[in-house]
Amino acid sequence: MGTTQLESVPEPKYWHLKTVLSEALDSEFSVGEILPNERDLAARFGVARATLRQALEQLELEGRLQRRRGVGTTVAPPRMGVSLGTGPHTWPGGPEDAWQPVDCTAAVPPGAVADALGTGSDEPVHIVRRSRVSQGRPVAAELLYIPRSSVPDLTGIDAPSGSARARAVLRELQRLELDRQENAVELGSAGADDARELDRLPGAPVLVVTTRFVVAGRVAALSVATYRADTCRLTFGDAGGVEIHAGPQRQAS
């Protein structure tokens, strides 16, 4: 990264520095590469460290950089894409599904989930835990809640736990005829468990995508997927659906 002295510009100095740094990331750095420390970068660009921090923080918000505990500031992978509200409705675990099953347990779900599923307040359901990875790093974690009535034929499957059990549950779920899926997206902050799975600090911004899978007028499964907010961009299409996808534009939405 060559030395570039910043001239007077009408926009804030940190914003101009962000543009210069972004161009350098595209031309001189690869995904996962660690940036020089703040002192060296500030000296190289002739700016105060406070100005540099503002520019780095903005690039992190836009998904260009990642601050990793014990590592430093690294170049982030391209934003991962997942489409909501568009295309055919499909069950989780299909051939085009990018999620990886991690585990499956039976437990009583949170009250709001039990209400959505129509199960009793003390009735256990299957909870499939899945992970999504991009460029070798976790970018999303999912909990998929499935009532026992949706997969009644699991008793003969010899897979008591783990990823094998998760795949068995998903296979049985796909036997049902899916009517539709209903999606909702909201901003949130990472709790302790999500932060650990996503390699983020507790309280980091996340996108929570809730999907209801409807069969014969009832919710046959409910997915709660938590995405790192720095890996996704939201756009609203003509059809009213919500998409989270990668794209050449680097602006925050």
Protein backbone atom coordinates (compact mmCIF):
# COMPACT_ATOMS: atom_id res chain seq x y z
CA MET A 1 0.00 0.00 0.00
CA GLY A 2 1.78 3.15 -1.17
CA THR A 3 1.94 6.44 0.68
CA THR A 4 -0.96 8.75 -0.17
CA GLN A 5 -1.21 12.20 1.42
CA LEU A 6 -4.80 13.37 1.64
CA GLU A 7 -5.59 16.76 0.17
CA SER A 8 -8.39 19.06 1.30
CA VAL A 9 -11.73 17.70 0.16
CA PRO A 10 -15.31 18.88 0.80
CA GLU A 11 -16.31 15.57 2.40
CA PRO A 12 -15.16 14.50 5.88
CA LYS A 13 -11.54 13.41 5.90
CA TYR A 14 -12.35 9.97 7.32
CA TRP A 15 -14.86 9.38 4.50
CA HIS A 16 -12.28 10.22 1.85
CA LEU A 17 -9.79 7.99 3.65
CA LYS A 18 -12.36 5.19 3.63
CA THR A 19 -12.56 5.46 -0.18
CA VAL A 20 -8.77 5.35 -0.51
CA LEU A 21 -8.54 2.35 1.81
CA SER A 22 -11.34 0.57 -0.05
CA GLU A 23 -9.48 0.93 -3.34
CA ALA A 24 -6.33 -0.43 -1.70
CA LEU A 25 -8.24 -3.42 -0.34
CA ASP A 26 -9.42 -4.24 -3.87
CA SER A 27 -6.00 -3.93 -5.49
CA GLU A 28 -3.41 -4.90 -2.90
CA PHE A 29 -4.95 -7.22 -0.34
CA SER A 30 -6.49 -10.67 -0.42
CA VAL A 31 -9.33 -12.10 1.66
CA GLY A 32 -8.18 -12.90 5.18
CA GLU A 33 -5.01 -10.81 4.98
CA ILE A 34 -4.17 -8.82 8.11
CA LEU A 35 -3.89 -5.05 7.74
CA PRO A 36 -0.92 -3.12 9.16
CA ASN A 37 -1.45 -1.71 12.63
CA GLU A 38 -3.21 1.62 13.16
CA ARG A 39 -0.02 3.55 13.90
CA ASP A 40 1.60 2.50 10.62
CA LEU A 41 -1.54 3.14 8.59
CA ALA A 42 -2.07 6.58 10.12
CA ALA A 43 1.53 7.56 9.39
CA ARG A 44 1.34 6.24 5.83
CA PHE A 45 -1.75 8.27 5.00
CA GLY A 46 -0.81 11.34 7.00
CA VAL A 47 -3.92 11.31 9.21
CA ALA A 48 -4.65 11.21 12.91
CA ARG A 49 -5.37 7.80 14.40
CA ALA A 50 -8.87 8.99 15.33
CA THR A 51 -9.57 9.69 11.65
CA LEU A 52 -8.20 6.30 10.69
CA ARG A 53 -10.36 4.53 13.27
CA GLN A 54 -13.48 6.23 11.87
CA ALA A 55 -12.61 5.02 8.37
CA LEU A 56 -11.90 1.48 9.57
CA GLU A 57 -15.14 1.38 11.54
CA GLN A 58 -17.10 2.43 8.46
CA LEU A 59 -15.41 -0.25 6.34
CA GLU A 60 -16.26 -2.82 8.99
CA LEU A 61 -19.91 -1.73 8.96
CA GLU A 62 -19.95 -2.11 5.17
CA GLY A 63 -18.53 -5.62 5.41
CA ARG A 64 -15.12 -4.86 3.90
CA LEU A 65 -13.16 -5.54 7.08
CA GLN A 66 -13.44 -7.88 10.06
CA ARG A 67 -11.95 -7.30 13.49
CA ARG A 68 -11.07 -10.71 14.87
CA ARG A 69 -10.18 -11.31 18.48
CA GLY A 70 -6.53 -12.21 18.90
CA VAL A 71 -5.81 -11.63 15.20
CA GLY A 72 -6.42 -8.00 14.27
CA THR A 73 -8.19 -6.35 11.36
CA THR A 74 -8.48 -8.58 8.30
CA VAL A 75 -9.97 -8.24 4.82
CA ALA A 76 -13.48 -9.71 4.86
CA PRO A 77 -14.72 -12.26 2.32
CA PRO A 78 -17.37 -11.16 -0.20
CA ARG A 79 -20.84 -10.80 1.21
CA MET A 80 -22.72 -14.07 1.18
CA GLY A 81 -26.05 -14.32 -0.61
CA VAL A 82 -29.31 -15.85 0.52
CA SER A 83 -32.63 -15.04 -1.12
CA LEU A 84 -35.84 -14.54 0.86
CA GLY A 85 -39.30 -14.24 -0.60
CA THR A 86 -38.24 -15.06 -4.15
CA GLY A 87 -38.04 -18.28 -6.10
CA PRO A 88 -39.73 -21.60 -5.33
CA HIS A 89 -40.45 -22.57 -1.75
CA THR A 90 -38.36 -25.51 -0.61
CA TRP A 91 -37.70 -27.46 2.57
CA PRO A 92 -34.37 -27.06 4.38
CA GLY A 93 -31.79 -29.72 3.55
CA GLY A 94 -32.40 -29.93 -0.19
CA PRO A 95 -29.62 -30.39 -2.77
CA GLU A 96 -29.16 -26.63 -3.25
CA ASP A 97 -29.10 -25.88 0.47
CA ALA A 98 -25.83 -24.26 1.61
CA TRP A 99 -26.40 -24.98 5.30
CA GLN A 100 -24.49 -27.74 7.09
CA PRO A 101 -26.26 -29.80 9.79
CA VAL A 102 -24.41 -29.79 13.11
CA ASP A 103 -26.65 -31.47 15.68
CA CYS A 104 -30.19 -32.41 16.61
CA THR A 105 -31.67 -32.53 20.09
CA ALA A 106 -35.13 -32.82 21.63
CA ALA A 107 -36.08 -29.98 23.98
CA VAL A 108 -38.91 -27.66 24.93
CA PRO A 109 -38.65 -24.56 22.67
CA PRO A 110 -39.02 -20.94 23.79
CA GLY A 111 -42.60 -19.86 24.43
CA ALA A 112 -42.88 -17.75 21.27
CA VAL A 113 -41.71 -20.68 19.16
CA ALA A 114 -44.15 -23.07 20.86
CA ASP A 115 -46.97 -20.63 20.15
CA ALA A 116 -46.00 -20.38 16.47
CA LEU A 117 -45.81 -24.17 16.15
CA GLY A 118 -49.00 -24.78 18.10
CA THR A 119 -47.29 -27.17 20.51
CA GLY A 120 -47.84 -27.35 24.24
CA SER A 121 -45.78 -25.14 26.54
CA ASP A 122 -43.97 -28.20 27.92
CA GLU A 123 -43.88 -30.34 24.75
CA PRO A 124 -40.39 -31.15 23.40
CA VAL A 125 -39.68 -30.64 19.69
CA HIS A 126 -36.76 -31.58 17.45
CA ILE A 127 -34.21 -28.76 17.35
CA VAL A 128 -31.83 -29.02 14.39
CA ARG A 129 -28.77 -26.81 14.64
CA ARG A 130 -27.09 -25.83 11.38
CA SER A 131 -24.22 -23.60 10.29
CA ARG A 132 -23.39 -21.67 7.14
CA VAL A 133 -19.80 -20.96 6.15
CA SER A 134 -18.25 -18.59 3.60
CA GLN A 135 -14.55 -18.46 2.77
CA GLY A 136 -13.89 -20.91 5.59
CA ARG A 137 -15.53 -18.72 8.25
CA PRO A 138 -18.95 -19.05 9.94
CA VAL A 139 -21.36 -16.36 8.76
CA ALA A 140 -24.71 -17.66 10.01
CA ALA A 141 -26.18 -20.03 12.57
CA GLU A 142 -29.65 -21.56 12.51
CA LEU A 143 -32.00 -23.27 14.92
CA LEU A 144 -34.74 -25.22 13.12
CA TYR A 145 -37.67 -26.20 15.35
CA ILE A 146 -39.73 -29.19 14.17
CA PRO A 147 -42.71 -30.67 16.09
CA ARG A 148 -42.69 -34.41 16.49
CA SER A 149 -46.00 -34.58 14.62
CA SER A 150 -44.23 -33.28 11.49
CA VAL A 151 -41.77 -36.22 11.44
CA PRO A 152 -43.63 -39.14 13.05
CA ASP A 153 -41.55 -41.90 11.43
CA LEU A 154 -38.25 -41.14 13.19
CA THR A 155 -38.62 -43.89 15.77
CA GLY A 156 -37.06 -46.48 13.47
CA ILE A 157 -34.02 -44.39 12.59
CA ASP A 158 -30.84 -45.44 14.36
CA ALA A 159 -29.26 -41.99 14.74
CA PRO A 160 -29.79 -40.78 18.30
CA SER A 161 -27.92 -37.48 17.97
CA GLY A 162 -25.39 -35.45 16.01
CA SER A 163 -25.37 -34.46 12.37
CA ALA A 164 -26.68 -37.87 11.26
CA ARG A 165 -29.81 -37.36 13.37
CA ALA A 166 -30.19 -33.85 11.95
CA ARG A 167 -30.03 -35.13 8.38
CA ALA A 168 -32.57 -37.86 9.20
CA VAL A 169 -35.02 -35.29 10.58
CA LEU A 170 -34.62 -33.11 7.49
CA ARG A 171 -35.18 -36.07 5.16
CA GLU A 172 -38.41 -36.95 6.95
CA LEU A 173 -39.54 -33.34 6.86
CA GLN A 174 -39.15 -33.27 3.08
CA ARG A 175 -41.81 -35.97 2.76
CA LEU A 176 -44.45 -33.35 3.57
CA GLU A 177 -45.97 -31.24 0.81
CA LEU A 178 -44.92 -27.66 1.51
CA ASP A 179 -47.61 -25.06 0.87
CA ARG A 180 -45.59 -21.92 1.45
CA GLN A 181 -42.97 -20.27 3.61
CA GLU A 182 -43.31 -16.95 5.39
CA ASN A 183 -40.20 -14.88 6.08
CA ALA A 184 -39.47 -12.02 8.46
CA VAL A 185 -36.21 -10.11 8.98
CA GLU A 186 -35.19 -7.97 11.93
CA LEU A 187 -32.03 -6.42 13.31
CA GLY A 188 -30.69 -7.74 16.58
CA SER A 189 -27.57 -8.14 18.66
CA ALA A 190 -25.61 -11.34 19.15
CA GLY A 191 -26.17 -13.19 22.39
CA ALA A 192 -23.43 -15.24 24.01
CA ASP A 193 -24.19 -18.44 22.05
CA ASP A 194 -24.54 -16.70 18.67
CA ALA A 195 -21.40 -14.65 19.26
CA ARG A 196 -19.43 -17.79 20.01
CA GLU A 197 -20.68 -19.59 16.90
CA LEU A 198 -20.17 -16.59 14.61
CA ASP A 199 -16.80 -15.54 16.03
CA ARG A 200 -18.14 -12.14 17.07
CA LEU A 201 -18.23 -10.22 20.32
CA PRO A 202 -21.46 -10.40 22.34
CA GLY A 203 -23.70 -7.51 21.33
CA ALA A 204 -22.40 -7.38 17.74
CA PRO A 205 -25.12 -6.50 15.18
CA VAL A 206 -26.85 -9.45 13.53
CA LEU A 207 -29.75 -10.05 11.15
CA VAL A 208 -32.35 -12.49 12.44
CA VAL A 209 -34.34 -14.22 9.69
CA THR A 210 -37.41 -16.16 10.87
CA THR A 211 -39.04 -18.57 8.41
CA ARG A 212 -42.32 -20.42 8.95
CA PHE A 213 -42.86 -23.51 6.81
CA VAL A 214 -46.60 -24.03 6.34
CA VAL A 215 -48.28 -27.36 5.52
CA ALA A 216 -52.05 -27.74 5.27
CA GLY A 217 -52.60 -24.47 7.09
CA ARG A 218 -50.30 -25.20 10.05
CA VAL A 219 -46.69 -24.33 10.81
CA ALA A 220 -44.82 -27.62 10.32
CA ALA A 221 -41.38 -26.14 11.11
CA LEU A 222 -39.89 -22.83 12.14
CA SER A 223 -36.36 -21.60 11.40
CA VAL A 224 -34.54 -18.86 13.29
CA ALA A 225 -31.34 -18.01 11.39
CA THR A 226 -28.85 -15.47 12.71
CA TYR A 227 -26.55 -13.80 10.16
CA ARG A 228 -23.52 -11.64 10.80
CA ALA A 229 -24.70 -8.17 9.84
CA ASP A 230 -21.34 -7.40 8.23
CA THR A 231 -21.77 -10.23 5.70
CA CYS A 232 -25.21 -9.28 4.32
CA ARG A 233 -26.96 -6.49 2.47
CA LEU A 234 -30.73 -6.08 2.37
CA THR A 235 -32.61 -5.00 -0.75
CA PHE A 236 -36.35 -4.85 -1.37
CA GLY A 237 -37.46 -6.14 -4.77
CA ASP A 238 -40.53 -5.29 -6.86
CA ALA A 239 -42.30 -8.42 -5.65
CA GLY A 240 -42.09 -7.25 -2.06
CA GLY A 241 -39.69 -9.99 -1.03
CA VAL A 242 -36.52 -9.37 0.90
CA GLU A 243 -33.17 -10.49 -0.39
CA ILE A 244 -29.82 -10.74 1.37
CA HIS A 245 -27.19 -11.08 -1.29
CA ALA A 246 -23.69 -10.30 -2.45
CA GLY A 247 -23.15 -7.55 -4.95
CA PRO A 248 -20.52 -5.23 -6.39
CA GLN A 249 -21.93 -2.25 -4.53
CA ARG A 250 -20.19 -1.78 -1.20
CA GLN A 251 -22.46 0.80 0.36
CA ALA A 252 -24.31 -0.01 3.56
CA SER A 253 -28.06 -0.40 3.16
